[in-house]
């Protein structure tokens, strides 16, 4: 599961990845180290994310100070770490 942005005490603009693939066997989940290449979207909340394949999704709009009207394509692949390649469209 890939998480981006959000808000609490402060607005966030980072990626977090929770590995749930072996939840059945290990009965636990783990957070993966993430390496991001490309342009990270500005911090935001109330945005949308749409998966288009097993390795690609889009981050769309949301709010920062004002409403955002942008789209980012995120492609990820796993080697020793989880890599996220982010492209502004």
C-alpha atoms as a PDB file:
ATOM      1  CA  UNK A   1       0.000   0.000   0.000  1.00  0.00           C
ATOM      2  CA  UNK A   2       1.446   3.367  -1.030  1.00  0.00           C
ATOM      3  CA  UNK A   3       0.508   6.466   0.970  1.00  0.00           C
ATOM      4  CA  UNK A   4       1.283  10.040  -0.094  1.00  0.00           C
ATOM      5  CA  UNK A   5       0.668  13.308   1.718  1.00  0.00           C
ATOM      6  CA  UNK A   6      -2.059  14.038   4.189  1.00  0.00           C
ATOM      7  CA  UNK A   7      -2.461  16.331   7.145  1.00  0.00           C
ATOM      8  CA  UNK A   8      -2.360  16.209  10.906  1.00  0.00           C
ATOM      9  CA  UNK A   9      -0.496  18.807  12.928  1.00  0.00           C
ATOM     10  CA  UNK A  10       1.244  19.730   9.680  1.00  0.00           C
ATOM     11  CA  UNK A  11       0.761  18.993   5.988  1.00  0.00           C
ATOM     12  CA  UNK A  12       2.776  16.079   4.608  1.00  0.00           C
ATOM     13  CA  UNK A  13       4.432  15.586   1.233  1.00  0.00           C
ATOM     14  CA  UNK A  14       6.207  12.278   1.504  1.00  0.00           C
ATOM     15  CA  UNK A  15       5.641   8.700   0.406  1.00  0.00           C
ATOM     16  CA  UNK A  16       5.224   5.791   2.792  1.00  0.00           C
ATOM     17  CA  UNK A  17       4.899   2.167   1.675  1.00  0.00           C
ATOM     18  CA  UNK A  18       3.393  -0.574   3.812  1.00  0.00           C
ATOM     19  CA  UNK A  19       4.198  -4.145   2.733  1.00  0.00           C
ATOM     20  CA  UNK A  20       1.105  -6.281   3.259  1.00  0.00           C
ATOM     21  CA  UNK A  21       2.031  -8.989   0.727  1.00  0.00           C
ATOM     22  CA  UNK A  22       3.016 -11.612   3.280  1.00  0.00           C
ATOM     23  CA  UNK A  23       0.534 -10.660   5.965  1.00  0.00           C
ATOM     24  CA  UNK A  24      -0.944 -14.159   5.990  1.00  0.00           C
ATOM     25  CA  UNK A  25       2.355 -15.936   6.598  1.00  0.00           C
ATOM     26  CA  UNK A  26       4.019 -13.483   8.992  1.00  0.00           C
ATOM     27  CA  UNK A  27       0.885 -12.115  10.594  1.00  0.00           C
ATOM     28  CA  UNK A  28       2.580  -8.735  10.505  1.00  0.00           C
ATOM     29  CA  UNK A  29       3.207  -5.854   8.170  1.00  0.00           C
ATOM     30  CA  UNK A  30       6.366  -3.822   7.607  1.00  0.00           C
ATOM     31  CA  UNK A  31       7.195  -0.385   6.302  1.00  0.00           C
ATOM     32  CA  UNK A  32       9.593  -0.378   3.333  1.00  0.00           C
ATOM     33  CA  UNK A  33      12.420   2.051   2.754  1.00  0.00           C
ATOM     34  CA  UNK A  34      11.496   4.218  -0.227  1.00  0.00           C
ATOM     35  CA  UNK A  35      13.846   5.842  -2.726  1.00  0.00           C
ATOM     36  CA  UNK A  36      12.158   8.490  -4.872  1.00  0.00           C
ATOM     37  CA  UNK A  37      13.463   9.614  -8.266  1.00  0.00           C
ATOM     38  CA  UNK A  38      12.069  12.585 -10.123  1.00  0.00           C
ATOM     39  CA  UNK A  39       9.903  15.465  -8.960  1.00  0.00           C
ATOM     40  CA  UNK A  40       8.036  14.848  -5.728  1.00  0.00           C
ATOM     41  CA  UNK A  41       4.571  16.449  -5.728  1.00  0.00           C
ATOM     42  CA  UNK A  42       4.118  19.384  -3.377  1.00  0.00           C
ATOM     43  CA  UNK A  43       2.643  18.525   0.010  1.00  0.00           C
ATOM     44  CA  UNK A  44      -1.115  18.213  -0.107  1.00  0.00           C
ATOM     45  CA  UNK A  45      -4.290  16.684   1.289  1.00  0.00           C
ATOM     46  CA  UNK A  46      -7.732  15.789  -0.118  1.00  0.00           C
ATOM     47  CA  UNK A  47      -6.078  14.583  -3.318  1.00  0.00           C
ATOM     48  CA  UNK A  48      -6.958  11.513  -5.345  1.00  0.00           C
ATOM     49  CA  UNK A  49      -4.802   8.556  -6.292  1.00  0.00           C
ATOM     50  CA  UNK A  50      -5.805   6.099  -8.991  1.00  0.00           C
ATOM     51  CA  UNK A  51      -4.036   2.802  -9.690  1.00  0.00           C
ATOM     52  CA  UNK A  52      -3.813   1.956 -13.388  1.00  0.00           C
ATOM     53  CA  UNK A  53      -1.677  -1.179 -13.095  1.00  0.00           C
ATOM     54  CA  UNK A  54       0.203  -3.220 -10.500  1.00  0.00           C
ATOM     55  CA  UNK A  55       3.151  -0.847 -10.773  1.00  0.00           C
ATOM     56  CA  UNK A  56       1.699   2.539 -11.706  1.00  0.00           C
ATOM     57  CA  UNK A  57      -0.716   5.078 -10.258  1.00  0.00           C
ATOM     58  CA  UNK A  58      -1.587   8.764 -10.598  1.00  0.00           C
ATOM     59  CA  UNK A  59      -1.806  11.487  -7.955  1.00  0.00           C
ATOM     60  CA  UNK A  60      -4.372  14.101  -8.922  1.00  0.00           C
ATOM     61  CA  UNK A  61      -5.197  17.539  -7.502  1.00  0.00           C
ATOM     62  CA  UNK A  62      -5.875  18.153  -3.834  1.00  0.00           C
ATOM     63  CA  UNK A  63      -5.262  21.145  -1.601  1.00  0.00           C
ATOM     64  CA  UNK A  64      -2.093  22.831  -0.437  1.00  0.00           C
ATOM     65  CA  UNK A  65      -2.767  26.476   0.378  1.00  0.00           C
ATOM     66  CA  UNK A  66      -4.991  26.666  -2.675  1.00  0.00           C
ATOM     67  CA  UNK A  67      -6.629  23.952  -4.725  1.00  0.00           C
ATOM     68  CA  UNK A  68      -4.092  22.050  -6.873  1.00  0.00           C
ATOM     69  CA  UNK A  69      -4.788  21.301 -10.533  1.00  0.00           C
ATOM     70  CA  UNK A  70      -1.911  18.970 -11.369  1.00  0.00           C
ATOM     71  CA  UNK A  71      -1.295  15.314 -12.165  1.00  0.00           C
ATOM     72  CA  UNK A  72       1.703  13.120 -11.306  1.00  0.00           C
ATOM     73  CA  UNK A  73       2.400   9.653 -12.661  1.00  0.00           C
ATOM     74  CA  UNK A  74       4.150   7.359 -10.176  1.00  0.00           C
ATOM     75  CA  UNK A  75       5.812   4.131 -11.329  1.00  0.00           C
ATOM     76  CA  UNK A  76       7.347   1.823  -8.762  1.00  0.00           C
ATOM     77  CA  UNK A  77       9.619  -1.174  -8.889  1.00  0.00           C
ATOM     78  CA  UNK A  78      11.336  -3.275  -6.260  1.00  0.00           C
ATOM     79  CA  UNK A  79      15.009  -4.219  -6.133  1.00  0.00           C
ATOM     80  CA  UNK A  80      16.730  -4.200  -2.751  1.00  0.00           C
ATOM     81  CA  UNK A  81      14.536  -1.195  -1.959  1.00  0.00           C
ATOM     82  CA  UNK A  82      11.248   0.077  -3.269  1.00  0.00           C
ATOM     83  CA  UNK A  83      11.852   2.709  -5.937  1.00  0.00           C
ATOM     84  CA  UNK A  84       9.253   5.300  -6.882  1.00  0.00           C
ATOM     85  CA  UNK A  85       9.746   7.213 -10.136  1.00  0.00           C
ATOM     86  CA  UNK A  86       7.584  10.336 -10.179  1.00  0.00           C
ATOM     87  CA  UNK A  87       6.786  12.408 -13.274  1.00  0.00           C
ATOM     88  CA  UNK A  88       4.795  15.607 -13.461  1.00  0.00           C
ATOM     89  CA  UNK A  89       2.303  15.581 -16.337  1.00  0.00           C
END
